[in-house]
Amino acid sequence: MNMKTLSPLSAIALVAACGTPSADVSKTSVMPELSHPEAIAGIQWKVGDTCVNEYRFGFKKSVHTAVVTDVSNGRVTLSDTADDGSARVVIFEGTDGDQVAKRVALSDGQQIEFTPPLHWLSFPLKPGSTWVDQDHVKGQTFQLDLASKFTAGPWETVAVPAGQFAAVKVVSEETYSAGRNNKGESFSGSGAIAYWIASDVKCPVRWEYKNSFGAKTTMQLLSYK
């Protein structure tokens, strides 16, 4: 198969400060509209599927390669390895991978897990879809309660190194409460995530994230197979 580009979502930073991020984290350029279906039915993962993504955590750039290692019992497991040699696990649950139990934190790249799994997608995914979710998030240096409100916007043409894709833009408005870092300090805050789900690619092609602690992260698909 030809290499193109990809990867999966929500995250949290643990800086002690507060402010309210703008809800509109997307500034995608207007491009010619590509053909697309009415809705995205789901994501069908297979062992060996590979996504290569570039993360930019503030001024720090990191390239992650995620490979599907197991698809069974309603769960998809990916091994995520960064170019600095660090490793994480990404776990999707649900028939279509619409829930995420573990993943890379968009705030700083650490391993995080959600209880119950975060309902990050709602299939069939189409413009106008909305849903809410509540979870407990545990990272390597913090934990918090997460309340999320998701809204699917219109189809957009998104350009990333992997190519141009017709994708549905999903925006998640997040509220963090009962937070505590590994020093025992409490915190609360908010964040906003935008991610683009394409009809012909299994993983998000782009992410944009920022929170009230000052973290700002982008992720784009470099290639996939």
N, C-alpha and C. Protein backbone atom coordinates (compact mmCIF):
# COMPACT_ATOMS: atom_id res chain seq x y z
N MET A 1 0.83 -1.20 0.00
CA MET A 1 0.00 0.00 0.00
C MET A 1 0.86 1.25 0.00
N ASN A 2 0.32 2.32 -0.57
CA ASN A 2 1.08 3.57 -0.61
C ASN A 2 0.96 4.32 0.71
N MET A 3 2.07 4.84 1.18
CA MET A 3 2.05 5.65 2.40
C MET A 3 1.41 6.99 2.08
N LYS A 4 0.53 7.44 2.95
CA LYS A 4 -0.03 8.80 2.82
C LYS A 4 0.04 9.46 4.18
N THR A 5 -1.06 9.45 5.06
CA THR A 5 -0.90 10.06 6.39
C THR A 5 -2.06 9.93 7.36
N LEU A 6 -1.90 9.99 8.74
CA LEU A 6 -2.99 9.84 9.72
C LEU A 6 -2.69 9.85 11.23
N SER A 7 -3.73 9.60 12.25
CA SER A 7 -3.68 9.34 13.72
C SER A 7 -4.95 9.59 14.51
N PRO A 8 -5.62 9.18 15.84
CA PRO A 8 -6.79 9.65 16.57
C PRO A 8 -6.53 10.72 17.44
N LEU A 9 -7.50 11.83 19.69
CA LEU A 9 -8.09 12.83 20.44
C LEU A 9 -8.30 13.23 21.66
N SER A 10 -9.01 14.40 22.74
CA SER A 10 -9.17 15.35 23.85
C SER A 10 -7.92 15.33 24.69
N ALA A 11 -7.53 16.42 25.30
CA ALA A 11 -6.29 16.37 26.07
C ALA A 11 -6.29 17.41 27.14
N ILE A 12 -5.23 17.46 27.91
CA ILE A 12 -5.23 18.32 29.07
C ILE A 12 -3.83 18.73 29.42
N ALA A 13 -3.63 19.97 29.86
CA ALA A 13 -2.33 20.41 30.30
C ALA A 13 -2.38 20.61 31.78
N LEU A 14 -1.25 20.60 32.43
CA LEU A 14 -1.23 20.74 33.86
C LEU A 14 -0.40 21.92 34.27
N VAL A 15 -0.69 23.04 33.72
CA VAL A 15 -0.01 24.25 34.12
C VAL A 15 -0.99 24.93 35.06
N ALA A 16 -0.52 25.55 36.11
CA ALA A 16 -1.44 26.15 37.07
C ALA A 16 -1.76 27.57 36.69
N ALA A 17 -2.80 27.78 35.90
CA ALA A 17 -3.27 29.10 35.54
C ALA A 17 -4.64 28.94 34.96
N CYS A 18 -5.32 30.03 34.70
CA CYS A 18 -6.69 29.90 34.21
C CYS A 18 -7.05 31.07 33.31
N GLY A 19 -7.92 30.83 32.36
CA GLY A 19 -8.40 31.81 31.42
C GLY A 19 -9.37 31.07 30.55
N THR A 20 -10.07 31.67 29.66
CA THR A 20 -11.04 30.99 28.82
C THR A 20 -10.59 31.02 27.38
N PRO A 21 -10.37 29.82 26.78
CA PRO A 21 -9.92 29.77 25.40
C PRO A 21 -11.05 30.09 24.43
N SER A 22 -10.69 30.53 23.28
CA SER A 22 -11.69 30.79 22.26
C SER A 22 -12.28 29.49 21.78
N ALA A 23 -13.58 29.47 21.53
CA ALA A 23 -14.23 28.24 21.09
C ALA A 23 -13.83 27.89 19.67
N ASP A 24 -13.51 28.89 18.86
CA ASP A 24 -13.15 28.63 17.47
C ASP A 24 -11.65 28.47 17.35
N VAL A 25 -11.22 27.19 17.34
CA VAL A 25 -9.78 26.93 17.26
C VAL A 25 -9.36 26.61 15.83
N SER A 26 -10.28 26.65 14.90
CA SER A 26 -9.98 26.29 13.51
C SER A 26 -9.83 27.52 12.64
N LYS A 27 -8.81 27.48 11.79
CA LYS A 27 -8.61 28.56 10.83
C LYS A 27 -8.26 27.96 9.48
N THR A 28 -9.02 26.92 9.10
CA THR A 28 -8.77 26.23 7.85
C THR A 28 -9.07 27.14 6.65
N SER A 29 -8.17 27.16 5.68
CA SER A 29 -8.35 27.99 4.50
C SER A 29 -9.48 27.44 3.63
N VAL A 30 -10.15 28.32 2.93
CA VAL A 30 -11.21 27.90 2.02
C VAL A 30 -10.58 27.35 0.76
N MET A 31 -10.96 26.12 0.39
CA MET A 31 -10.42 25.48 -0.80
C MET A 31 -11.56 24.86 -1.59
N PRO A 32 -11.31 24.48 -2.84
CA PRO A 32 -12.36 23.86 -3.63
C PRO A 32 -12.95 22.65 -2.92
N GLU A 33 -14.27 22.53 -2.93
CA GLU A 33 -14.94 21.43 -2.24
C GLU A 33 -14.69 20.11 -2.95
N LEU A 34 -14.36 19.08 -2.18
CA LEU A 34 -14.16 17.74 -2.72
C LEU A 34 -15.44 16.94 -2.53
N SER A 35 -15.62 15.91 -3.35
CA SER A 35 -16.81 15.07 -3.23
C SER A 35 -16.77 14.30 -1.91
N HIS A 36 -17.94 14.02 -1.34
CA HIS A 36 -18.00 13.32 -0.07
C HIS A 36 -19.39 12.69 0.09
N PRO A 37 -19.52 11.70 0.95
CA PRO A 37 -20.83 11.08 1.20
C PRO A 37 -21.68 12.01 2.07
N GLU A 38 -22.93 11.63 2.27
CA GLU A 38 -23.81 12.43 3.14
C GLU A 38 -23.35 12.36 4.59
N ALA A 39 -22.85 11.18 4.99
CA ALA A 39 -22.40 10.99 6.37
C ALA A 39 -21.28 9.95 6.39
N ILE A 40 -20.50 9.94 7.49
CA ILE A 40 -19.46 8.93 7.69
C ILE A 40 -20.05 7.84 8.58
N ALA A 41 -20.12 6.62 8.05
CA ALA A 41 -20.81 5.53 8.76
C ALA A 41 -20.03 5.00 9.96
N GLY A 42 -18.71 4.96 9.86
CA GLY A 42 -17.90 4.41 10.95
C GLY A 42 -16.46 4.22 10.51
N ILE A 43 -15.64 3.68 11.40
CA ILE A 43 -14.23 3.43 11.10
C ILE A 43 -13.96 1.94 11.28
N GLN A 44 -13.49 1.29 10.26
CA GLN A 44 -13.21 -0.14 10.31
C GLN A 44 -11.71 -0.37 10.32
N TRP A 45 -11.14 -0.54 11.52
CA TRP A 45 -9.70 -0.73 11.66
C TRP A 45 -9.29 -2.16 11.35
N LYS A 46 -8.04 -2.31 10.88
CA LYS A 46 -7.46 -3.63 10.63
C LYS A 46 -6.04 -3.65 11.20
N VAL A 47 -5.60 -4.82 11.64
CA VAL A 47 -4.23 -4.97 12.13
C VAL A 47 -3.25 -4.56 11.04
N GLY A 48 -2.29 -3.74 11.39
CA GLY A 48 -1.29 -3.27 10.43
C GLY A 48 -1.56 -1.87 9.92
N ASP A 49 -2.78 -1.37 10.11
CA ASP A 49 -3.06 0.02 9.72
C ASP A 49 -2.06 0.93 10.44
N THR A 50 -1.50 1.87 9.72
CA THR A 50 -0.45 2.74 10.28
C THR A 50 -0.75 4.20 10.02
N CYS A 51 -0.59 4.99 11.07
CA CYS A 51 -0.81 6.43 10.98
C CYS A 51 0.44 7.16 11.46
N VAL A 52 0.92 8.09 10.68
CA VAL A 52 2.08 8.89 11.07
C VAL A 52 1.62 10.34 11.20
N ASN A 53 1.81 10.91 12.41
CA ASN A 53 1.31 12.25 12.69
C ASN A 53 2.41 13.15 13.24
N GLU A 54 2.30 14.41 12.91
CA GLU A 54 3.20 15.41 13.48
C GLU A 54 2.43 16.21 14.53
N TYR A 55 2.95 16.20 15.77
CA TYR A 55 2.39 17.01 16.85
C TYR A 55 3.28 18.23 17.05
N ARG A 56 2.66 19.36 17.34
CA ARG A 56 3.40 20.55 17.74
C ARG A 56 2.83 21.00 19.08
N PHE A 57 3.57 20.71 20.16
CA PHE A 57 3.19 21.11 21.49
C PHE A 57 3.88 22.45 21.78
N GLY A 58 3.18 23.56 21.48
CA GLY A 58 3.83 24.85 21.61
C GLY A 58 4.95 24.94 20.58
N PHE A 59 6.20 25.09 21.04
CA PHE A 59 7.35 25.18 20.13
C PHE A 59 8.01 23.81 19.90
N LYS A 60 7.53 22.79 20.58
CA LYS A 60 8.13 21.46 20.46
C LYS A 60 7.41 20.64 19.40
N LYS A 61 8.18 20.07 18.46
CA LYS A 61 7.62 19.23 17.41
C LYS A 61 7.95 17.78 17.67
N SER A 62 6.99 16.89 17.44
CA SER A 62 7.18 15.46 17.67
C SER A 62 6.43 14.67 16.61
N VAL A 63 7.06 13.63 16.07
CA VAL A 63 6.43 12.78 15.07
C VAL A 63 6.09 11.43 15.72
N HIS A 64 4.83 11.04 15.62
CA HIS A 64 4.35 9.79 16.22
C HIS A 64 3.90 8.82 15.13
N THR A 65 4.29 7.57 15.29
CA THR A 65 3.84 6.51 14.39
C THR A 65 2.96 5.55 15.18
N ALA A 66 1.69 5.46 14.80
CA ALA A 66 0.74 4.59 15.49
C ALA A 66 0.38 3.42 14.58
N VAL A 67 0.55 2.20 15.10
CA VAL A 67 0.29 0.98 14.33
C VAL A 67 -0.75 0.13 15.05
N VAL A 68 -1.78 -0.30 14.34
CA VAL A 68 -2.80 -1.16 14.93
C VAL A 68 -2.20 -2.55 15.17
N THR A 69 -2.21 -2.98 16.43
CA THR A 69 -1.63 -4.28 16.79
C THR A 69 -2.68 -5.33 17.10
N ASP A 70 -3.91 -4.90 17.39
CA ASP A 70 -4.95 -5.88 17.72
C ASP A 70 -6.34 -5.29 17.49
N VAL A 71 -7.22 -6.10 16.91
CA VAL A 71 -8.62 -5.72 16.72
C VAL A 71 -9.45 -6.91 17.16
N SER A 72 -10.01 -6.84 18.37
CA SER A 72 -10.79 -7.96 18.89
C SER A 72 -11.64 -7.52 20.07
N ASN A 73 -12.72 -8.26 20.29
CA ASN A 73 -13.60 -8.03 21.44
C ASN A 73 -14.07 -6.57 21.55
N GLY A 74 -14.39 -5.96 20.39
CA GLY A 74 -14.89 -4.61 20.39
C GLY A 74 -13.86 -3.56 20.77
N ARG A 75 -12.57 -3.88 20.60
CA ARG A 75 -11.51 -2.96 20.99
C ARG A 75 -10.43 -2.92 19.91
N VAL A 76 -9.89 -1.73 19.67
CA VAL A 76 -8.79 -1.54 18.72
C VAL A 76 -7.60 -1.00 19.51
N THR A 77 -6.46 -1.69 19.42
CA THR A 77 -5.26 -1.29 20.16
C THR A 77 -4.18 -0.85 19.17
N LEU A 78 -3.61 0.33 19.42
CA LEU A 78 -2.52 0.84 18.60
C LEU A 78 -1.30 1.08 19.46
N SER A 79 -0.13 0.78 18.92
CA SER A 79 1.14 1.10 19.56
C SER A 79 1.62 2.43 18.98
N ASP A 80 1.78 3.44 19.83
CA ASP A 80 2.16 4.78 19.39
C ASP A 80 3.58 5.07 19.85
N THR A 81 4.51 5.24 18.90
CA THR A 81 5.92 5.50 19.22
C THR A 81 6.33 6.84 18.64
N ALA A 82 6.93 7.68 19.49
CA ALA A 82 7.37 9.01 19.05
C ALA A 82 8.81 8.93 18.56
N ASP A 83 9.25 9.98 17.84
CA ASP A 83 10.60 9.96 17.28
C ASP A 83 11.68 10.14 18.34
N ASP A 84 11.29 10.40 19.60
CA ASP A 84 12.28 10.45 20.67
C ASP A 84 12.41 9.10 21.38
N GLY A 85 11.72 8.08 20.86
CA GLY A 85 11.80 6.74 21.42
C GLY A 85 10.75 6.43 22.47
N SER A 86 9.99 7.43 22.92
CA SER A 86 8.96 7.19 23.93
C SER A 86 7.78 6.47 23.30
N ALA A 87 7.05 5.71 24.12
CA ALA A 87 5.95 4.90 23.61
C ALA A 87 4.68 5.10 24.43
N ARG A 88 3.54 5.02 23.75
CA ARG A 88 2.24 5.13 24.39
C ARG A 88 1.30 4.11 23.76
N VAL A 89 0.13 3.98 24.35
CA VAL A 89 -0.88 3.06 23.82
C VAL A 89 -2.14 3.86 23.51
N VAL A 90 -2.73 3.58 22.37
CA VAL A 90 -4.02 4.17 22.01
C VAL A 90 -5.03 3.04 21.95
N ILE A 91 -6.15 3.19 22.64
CA ILE A 91 -7.18 2.15 22.65
C ILE A 91 -8.53 2.78 22.31
N PHE A 92 -9.15 2.28 21.23
CA PHE A 92 -10.49 2.67 20.85
C PHE A 92 -11.44 1.53 21.21
N GLU A 93 -12.63 1.87 21.65
CA GLU A 93 -13.64 0.87 21.95
C GLU A 93 -14.90 1.17 21.17
N GLY A 94 -15.79 0.18 21.07
CA GLY A 94 -17.01 0.32 20.29
C GLY A 94 -16.81 -0.28 18.91
N THR A 95 -17.90 -0.70 18.31
CA THR A 95 -17.84 -1.35 17.00
C THR A 95 -17.15 -0.50 15.94
N ASP A 96 -17.36 0.81 16.00
CA ASP A 96 -16.79 1.71 15.00
C ASP A 96 -15.67 2.57 15.55
N GLY A 97 -15.14 2.24 16.72
CA GLY A 97 -14.06 3.03 17.29
C GLY A 97 -14.51 4.42 17.72
N ASP A 98 -15.79 4.54 18.14
CA ASP A 98 -16.32 5.85 18.49
C ASP A 98 -16.02 6.27 19.93
N GLN A 99 -15.33 5.41 20.68
CA GLN A 99 -14.95 5.72 22.05
C GLN A 99 -13.45 5.52 22.20
N VAL A 100 -12.80 6.34 23.03
CA VAL A 100 -11.37 6.19 23.23
C VAL A 100 -11.10 6.01 24.72
N ALA A 101 -10.39 4.92 25.06
CA ALA A 101 -10.06 4.62 26.45
C ALA A 101 -8.68 5.14 26.84
N LYS A 102 -7.74 5.10 25.90
CA LYS A 102 -6.39 5.62 26.12
C LYS A 102 -5.93 6.34 24.87
N ARG A 103 -5.06 7.36 25.09
CA ARG A 103 -4.51 8.06 23.94
C ARG A 103 -3.41 9.03 24.37
N VAL A 104 -2.88 9.76 23.39
CA VAL A 104 -1.84 10.76 23.65
C VAL A 104 -2.52 12.07 24.02
N ALA A 105 -2.09 12.68 25.13
CA ALA A 105 -2.66 13.96 25.55
C ALA A 105 -2.27 15.05 24.56
N LEU A 106 -3.26 15.79 24.08
CA LEU A 106 -2.96 16.86 23.14
C LEU A 106 -2.25 18.03 23.79
N SER A 107 -2.32 18.11 25.12
CA SER A 107 -1.67 19.22 25.81
C SER A 107 -0.15 19.12 25.81
N ASP A 108 0.37 17.89 26.05
CA ASP A 108 1.82 17.75 26.19
C ASP A 108 2.37 16.40 25.75
N GLY A 109 1.53 15.52 25.22
CA GLY A 109 2.01 14.25 24.69
C GLY A 109 2.08 13.10 25.68
N GLN A 110 1.70 13.32 26.94
CA GLN A 110 1.77 12.22 27.90
C GLN A 110 0.64 11.23 27.68
N GLN A 111 0.76 10.03 28.28
CA GLN A 111 -0.27 9.01 28.18
C GLN A 111 -1.44 9.39 29.09
N ILE A 112 -2.67 9.33 28.55
CA ILE A 112 -3.84 9.57 29.37
C ILE A 112 -4.87 8.47 29.13
N GLU A 113 -5.77 8.28 30.12
CA GLU A 113 -6.83 7.30 29.97
C GLU A 113 -8.15 7.88 30.48
N PHE A 114 -9.25 7.42 29.87
CA PHE A 114 -10.59 7.93 30.18
C PHE A 114 -11.45 6.85 30.79
N THR A 115 -12.19 7.20 31.86
CA THR A 115 -13.12 6.29 32.50
C THR A 115 -14.45 7.02 32.70
N PRO A 116 -15.55 6.56 32.08
CA PRO A 116 -15.59 5.54 31.04
C PRO A 116 -14.93 6.06 29.78
N PRO A 117 -14.77 5.23 28.76
CA PRO A 117 -14.15 5.72 27.52
C PRO A 117 -14.85 6.96 26.98
N LEU A 118 -14.07 7.89 26.45
CA LEU A 118 -14.59 9.14 25.90
C LEU A 118 -15.33 8.89 24.59
N HIS A 119 -16.56 9.36 24.51
CA HIS A 119 -17.38 9.20 23.31
C HIS A 119 -17.02 10.33 22.34
N TRP A 120 -15.91 10.18 21.64
CA TRP A 120 -15.36 11.28 20.84
C TRP A 120 -15.97 11.42 19.45
N LEU A 121 -16.67 10.38 19.00
CA LEU A 121 -17.36 10.42 17.71
C LEU A 121 -18.76 9.84 17.88
N SER A 122 -19.68 10.26 17.03
CA SER A 122 -21.04 9.73 17.06
C SER A 122 -21.45 9.42 15.62
N PHE A 123 -21.55 8.12 15.32
CA PHE A 123 -21.87 7.69 13.95
C PHE A 123 -23.36 7.39 13.80
N PRO A 124 -23.95 7.64 12.62
CA PRO A 124 -23.29 8.24 11.45
C PRO A 124 -22.94 9.70 11.73
N LEU A 125 -21.71 10.08 11.41
CA LEU A 125 -21.23 11.44 11.66
C LEU A 125 -21.56 12.32 10.46
N LYS A 126 -22.28 13.41 10.72
CA LYS A 126 -22.66 14.32 9.65
C LYS A 126 -22.84 15.72 10.22
N PRO A 127 -22.78 16.74 9.39
CA PRO A 127 -22.96 18.11 9.86
C PRO A 127 -24.25 18.26 10.67
N GLY A 128 -24.13 18.93 11.81
CA GLY A 128 -25.29 19.16 12.65
C GLY A 128 -25.41 18.20 13.82
N SER A 129 -24.62 17.11 13.83
CA SER A 129 -24.67 16.15 14.94
C SER A 129 -24.15 16.81 16.22
N THR A 130 -24.79 16.54 17.35
CA THR A 130 -24.33 17.04 18.64
C THR A 130 -24.46 15.94 19.68
N TRP A 131 -23.60 15.94 20.67
CA TRP A 131 -23.69 15.00 21.78
C TRP A 131 -22.83 15.51 22.93
N VAL A 132 -23.05 14.97 24.11
CA VAL A 132 -22.29 15.37 25.29
C VAL A 132 -21.71 14.13 25.96
N ASP A 133 -20.70 14.33 26.80
CA ASP A 133 -20.05 13.21 27.47
C ASP A 133 -19.41 13.69 28.76
N GLN A 134 -19.30 12.78 29.74
CA GLN A 134 -18.62 13.07 31.00
C GLN A 134 -17.70 11.92 31.34
N ASP A 135 -16.47 12.25 31.73
CA ASP A 135 -15.46 11.21 31.98
C ASP A 135 -14.50 11.66 33.09
N HIS A 136 -13.80 10.68 33.64
CA HIS A 136 -12.67 10.97 34.54
C HIS A 136 -11.41 10.72 33.72
N VAL A 137 -10.49 11.66 33.75
CA VAL A 137 -9.25 11.56 32.98
C VAL A 137 -8.07 11.41 33.93
N LYS A 138 -7.22 10.43 33.66
CA LYS A 138 -6.03 10.22 34.47
C LYS A 138 -4.80 10.22 33.57
N GLY A 139 -3.85 11.10 33.88
CA GLY A 139 -2.60 11.17 33.13
C GLY A 139 -1.44 10.74 34.00
N GLN A 140 -0.25 10.94 33.49
CA GLN A 140 0.95 10.59 34.26
C GLN A 140 1.26 11.62 35.33
N THR A 141 0.75 12.84 35.17
CA THR A 141 1.05 13.90 36.13
C THR A 141 -0.19 14.59 36.68
N PHE A 142 -1.40 14.08 36.37
CA PHE A 142 -2.61 14.75 36.83
C PHE A 142 -3.83 13.83 36.69
N GLN A 143 -4.93 14.28 37.27
CA GLN A 143 -6.23 13.68 37.02
C GLN A 143 -7.30 14.76 37.15
N LEU A 144 -8.44 14.56 36.48
CA LEU A 144 -9.51 15.55 36.53
C LEU A 144 -10.81 14.94 36.02
N ASP A 145 -11.91 15.67 36.25
CA ASP A 145 -13.20 15.29 35.69
C ASP A 145 -13.43 16.14 34.45
N LEU A 146 -13.88 15.52 33.39
CA LEU A 146 -14.04 16.18 32.10
C LEU A 146 -15.49 16.15 31.64
N ALA A 147 -16.02 17.31 31.31
CA ALA A 147 -17.34 17.42 30.69
C ALA A 147 -17.14 17.98 29.29
N SER A 148 -17.68 17.30 28.28
CA SER A 148 -17.45 17.69 26.89
C SER A 148 -18.77 17.86 26.15
N LYS A 149 -18.83 18.89 25.30
CA LYS A 149 -19.96 19.11 24.42
C LYS A 149 -19.44 19.12 22.99
N PHE A 150 -19.94 18.20 22.17
CA PHE A 150 -19.44 18.02 20.81
C PHE A 150 -20.45 18.54 19.78
N THR A 151 -19.92 19.18 18.74
CA THR A 151 -20.74 19.67 17.64
C THR A 151 -20.03 19.39 16.32
N ALA A 152 -20.73 18.75 15.40
CA ALA A 152 -20.17 18.48 14.08
C ALA A 152 -20.57 19.60 13.14
N GLY A 153 -19.58 20.25 12.53
CA GLY A 153 -19.83 21.35 11.62
C GLY A 153 -19.94 20.87 10.18
N PRO A 154 -19.85 21.76 9.23
CA PRO A 154 -19.99 21.42 7.82
C PRO A 154 -18.76 20.70 7.27
N TRP A 155 -18.94 20.08 6.12
CA TRP A 155 -17.81 19.48 5.42
C TRP A 155 -16.84 20.57 5.00
N GLU A 156 -15.55 20.29 5.13
CA GLU A 156 -14.51 21.23 4.71
C GLU A 156 -13.45 20.47 3.93
N THR A 157 -12.72 21.20 3.09
CA THR A 157 -11.56 20.63 2.42
C THR A 157 -10.34 20.99 3.25
N VAL A 158 -9.65 19.97 3.75
CA VAL A 158 -8.51 20.17 4.64
C VAL A 158 -7.24 19.70 3.95
N ALA A 159 -6.21 20.54 3.95
CA ALA A 159 -4.92 20.19 3.34
C ALA A 159 -3.89 19.93 4.43
N VAL A 160 -3.28 18.75 4.40
CA VAL A 160 -2.20 18.36 5.31
C VAL A 160 -1.13 17.68 4.47
N PRO A 161 0.04 17.38 5.04
CA PRO A 161 1.07 16.73 4.24
C PRO A 161 0.62 15.43 3.56
N ALA A 162 -0.36 14.74 4.14
CA ALA A 162 -0.84 13.49 3.56
C ALA A 162 -1.72 13.72 2.33
N GLY A 163 -2.16 14.96 2.10
CA GLY A 163 -3.00 15.26 0.96
C GLY A 163 -4.16 16.17 1.32
N GLN A 164 -5.11 16.31 0.38
CA GLN A 164 -6.32 17.09 0.61
C GLN A 164 -7.48 16.13 0.83
N PHE A 165 -8.31 16.43 1.83
CA PHE A 165 -9.40 15.54 2.18
C PHE A 165 -10.68 16.32 2.42
N ALA A 166 -11.81 15.71 2.05
CA ALA A 166 -13.12 16.22 2.45
C ALA A 166 -13.37 15.66 3.84
N ALA A 167 -13.61 16.54 4.81
CA ALA A 167 -13.73 16.09 6.20
C ALA A 167 -14.80 16.86 6.94
N VAL A 168 -15.42 16.17 7.91
CA VAL A 168 -16.36 16.81 8.82
C VAL A 168 -15.57 17.37 9.99
N LYS A 169 -15.80 18.63 10.30
CA LYS A 169 -15.11 19.26 11.42
C LYS A 169 -15.93 19.06 12.70
N VAL A 170 -15.29 18.48 13.73
CA VAL A 170 -15.93 18.29 15.03
C VAL A 170 -15.27 19.23 16.02
N VAL A 171 -16.07 19.97 16.78
CA VAL A 171 -15.54 20.86 17.81
C VAL A 171 -16.02 20.37 19.17
N SER A 172 -15.10 20.25 20.11
CA SER A 172 -15.44 19.85 21.48
C SER A 172 -15.10 20.98 22.44
N GLU A 173 -16.11 21.45 23.17
CA GLU A 173 -15.91 22.44 24.22
C GLU A 173 -15.78 21.67 25.54
N GLU A 174 -14.66 21.86 26.25
CA GLU A 174 -14.37 21.05 27.43
C GLU A 174 -14.33 21.89 28.71
N THR A 175 -14.80 21.29 29.79
CA THR A 175 -14.69 21.90 31.11
C THR A 175 -13.98 20.93 32.03
N TYR A 176 -12.94 21.39 32.73
CA TYR A 176 -12.15 20.57 33.63
C TYR A 176 -12.48 20.94 35.07
N SER A 177 -12.82 19.97 35.89
CA SER A 177 -13.11 20.22 37.30
C SER A 177 -12.47 19.15 38.17
N ALA A 178 -12.39 19.43 39.48
CA ALA A 178 -11.81 18.49 40.45
C ALA A 178 -10.42 18.03 40.02
N GLY A 179 -9.67 18.91 39.36
CA GLY A 179 -8.33 18.56 38.90
C GLY A 179 -7.32 18.54 40.04
N ARG A 180 -6.35 17.67 39.91
CA ARG A 180 -5.26 17.59 40.89
C ARG A 180 -4.00 17.11 40.19
N ASN A 181 -2.88 17.82 40.39
CA ASN A 181 -1.63 17.38 39.76
C ASN A 181 -0.84 16.50 40.71
N ASN A 182 0.34 16.05 40.26
CA ASN A 182 1.12 15.11 41.07
C ASN A 182 1.78 15.76 42.27
N LYS A 183 1.61 17.08 42.42
CA LYS A 183 2.10 17.78 43.61
C LYS A 183 0.99 17.96 44.65
N GLY A 184 -0.20 17.46 44.28
CA GLY A 184 -1.34 17.60 45.17
C GLY A 184 -2.07 18.91 45.03
N GLU A 185 -1.71 19.72 44.04
CA GLU A 185 -2.35 21.02 43.84
C GLU A 185 -3.64 20.84 43.03
N SER A 186 -4.69 21.54 43.42
CA SER A 186 -5.96 21.44 42.72
C SER A 186 -6.06 22.49 41.62
N PHE A 187 -6.87 22.23 40.61
CA PHE A 187 -7.06 23.17 39.51
C PHE A 187 -8.36 22.88 38.79
N SER A 188 -8.82 23.84 38.02
CA SER A 188 -9.97 23.68 37.14
C SER A 188 -9.70 24.55 35.92
N GLY A 189 -10.45 24.35 34.86
CA GLY A 189 -10.20 25.13 33.66
C GLY A 189 -11.09 24.70 32.52
N SER A 190 -10.70 25.05 31.32
CA SER A 190 -11.50 24.73 30.14
C SER A 190 -10.60 24.58 28.92
N GLY A 191 -11.14 24.02 27.87
CA GLY A 191 -10.37 23.82 26.66
C GLY A 191 -11.27 23.71 25.45
N ALA A 192 -10.69 23.75 24.28
CA ALA A 192 -11.44 23.62 23.03
C ALA A 192 -10.60 22.80 22.05
N ILE A 193 -11.25 21.85 21.41
CA ILE A 193 -10.58 21.00 20.42
C ILE A 193 -11.38 21.03 19.13
N ALA A 194 -10.69 21.09 18.01
CA ALA A 194 -11.31 20.90 16.70
C ALA A 194 -10.55 19.78 16.00
N TYR A 195 -11.28 18.84 15.42
CA TYR A 195 -10.62 17.78 14.66
C TYR A 195 -11.46 17.44 13.44
N TRP A 196 -10.76 17.03 12.39
CA TRP A 196 -11.37 16.79 11.10
C TRP A 196 -11.34 15.30 10.77
N ILE A 197 -12.53 14.74 10.51
CA ILE A 197 -12.67 13.32 10.21
C ILE A 197 -13.03 13.17 8.74
N ALA A 198 -12.17 12.50 7.99
CA ALA A 198 -12.38 12.34 6.55
C ALA A 198 -13.14 11.06 6.24
N SER A 199 -13.84 11.06 5.13
CA SER A 199 -14.63 9.90 4.74
C SER A 199 -13.77 8.76 4.19
N ASP A 200 -12.57 9.08 3.72
CA ASP A 200 -11.73 8.06 3.07
C ASP A 200 -10.44 7.77 3.84
N VAL A 201 -10.36 8.21 5.12
CA VAL A 201 -9.19 7.94 5.94
C VAL A 201 -9.68 7.47 7.30
N LYS A 202 -9.01 6.52 7.91
CA LYS A 202 -9.48 5.96 9.17
C LYS A 202 -9.21 6.82 10.39
N CYS A 203 -8.22 7.71 10.32
CA CYS A 203 -7.86 8.53 11.47
C CYS A 203 -8.09 10.00 11.19
N PRO A 204 -8.21 10.80 12.23
CA PRO A 204 -8.34 12.25 12.02
C PRO A 204 -7.18 12.78 11.18
N VAL A 205 -7.47 13.73 10.30
CA VAL A 205 -6.40 14.26 9.46
C VAL A 205 -5.75 15.49 10.10
N ARG A 206 -6.47 16.12 11.03
CA ARG A 206 -5.92 17.29 11.71
C ARG A 206 -6.60 17.51 13.05
N TRP A 207 -5.83 18.03 14.03
CA TRP A 207 -6.36 18.44 15.33
C TRP A 207 -5.86 19.85 15.64
N GLU A 208 -6.65 20.63 16.34
CA GLU A 208 -6.21 21.90 16.91
C GLU A 208 -6.75 21.97 18.33
N TYR A 209 -5.90 22.30 19.29
CA TYR A 209 -6.29 22.28 20.70
C TYR A 209 -5.67 23.45 21.44
N LYS A 210 -6.44 24.02 22.37
CA LYS A 210 -5.87 24.98 23.30
C LYS A 210 -6.72 24.99 24.56
N ASN A 211 -6.09 25.39 25.68
CA ASN A 211 -6.82 25.39 26.93
C ASN A 211 -6.53 26.65 27.74
N SER A 212 -7.20 26.78 28.87
CA SER A 212 -7.09 27.97 29.70
C SER A 212 -5.79 28.04 30.48
N PHE A 213 -4.96 27.00 30.39
CA PHE A 213 -3.66 27.00 31.06
C PHE A 213 -2.55 27.51 30.14
N GLY A 214 -2.90 27.80 28.89
CA GLY A 214 -1.92 28.32 27.95
C GLY A 214 -1.38 27.30 26.97
N ALA A 215 -1.78 26.05 27.08
CA ALA A 215 -1.31 25.02 26.14
C ALA A 215 -1.96 25.21 24.78
N LYS A 216 -1.19 25.02 23.73
CA LYS A 216 -1.70 25.13 22.37
C LYS A 216 -1.00 24.07 21.52
N THR A 217 -1.79 23.20 20.92
CA THR A 217 -1.23 22.07 20.18
C THR A 217 -1.93 21.89 18.83
N THR A 218 -1.17 21.51 17.82
CA THR A 218 -1.75 21.10 16.56
C THR A 218 -1.20 19.72 16.20
N MET A 219 -1.98 18.96 15.47
CA MET A 219 -1.55 17.65 14.99
C MET A 219 -2.03 17.52 13.56
N GLN A 220 -1.16 17.03 12.68
CA GLN A 220 -1.57 16.83 11.30
C GLN A 220 -1.05 15.48 10.81
N LEU A 221 -1.80 14.91 9.89
CA LEU A 221 -1.47 13.62 9.32
C LEU A 221 -0.34 13.76 8.29
N LEU A 222 0.73 13.03 8.50
CA LEU A 222 1.84 13.04 7.56
C LEU A 222 1.69 11.96 6.51
N SER A 223 1.29 10.75 6.95
CA SER A 223 1.10 9.65 6.02
C SER A 223 0.31 8.54 6.68
N TYR A 224 -0.18 7.60 5.86
CA TYR A 224 -0.92 6.46 6.41
C TYR A 224 -0.86 5.31 5.42
N LYS A 225 -1.11 4.12 5.90
CA LYS A 225 -1.22 2.98 4.99
C LYS A 225 -2.18 1.95 5.59
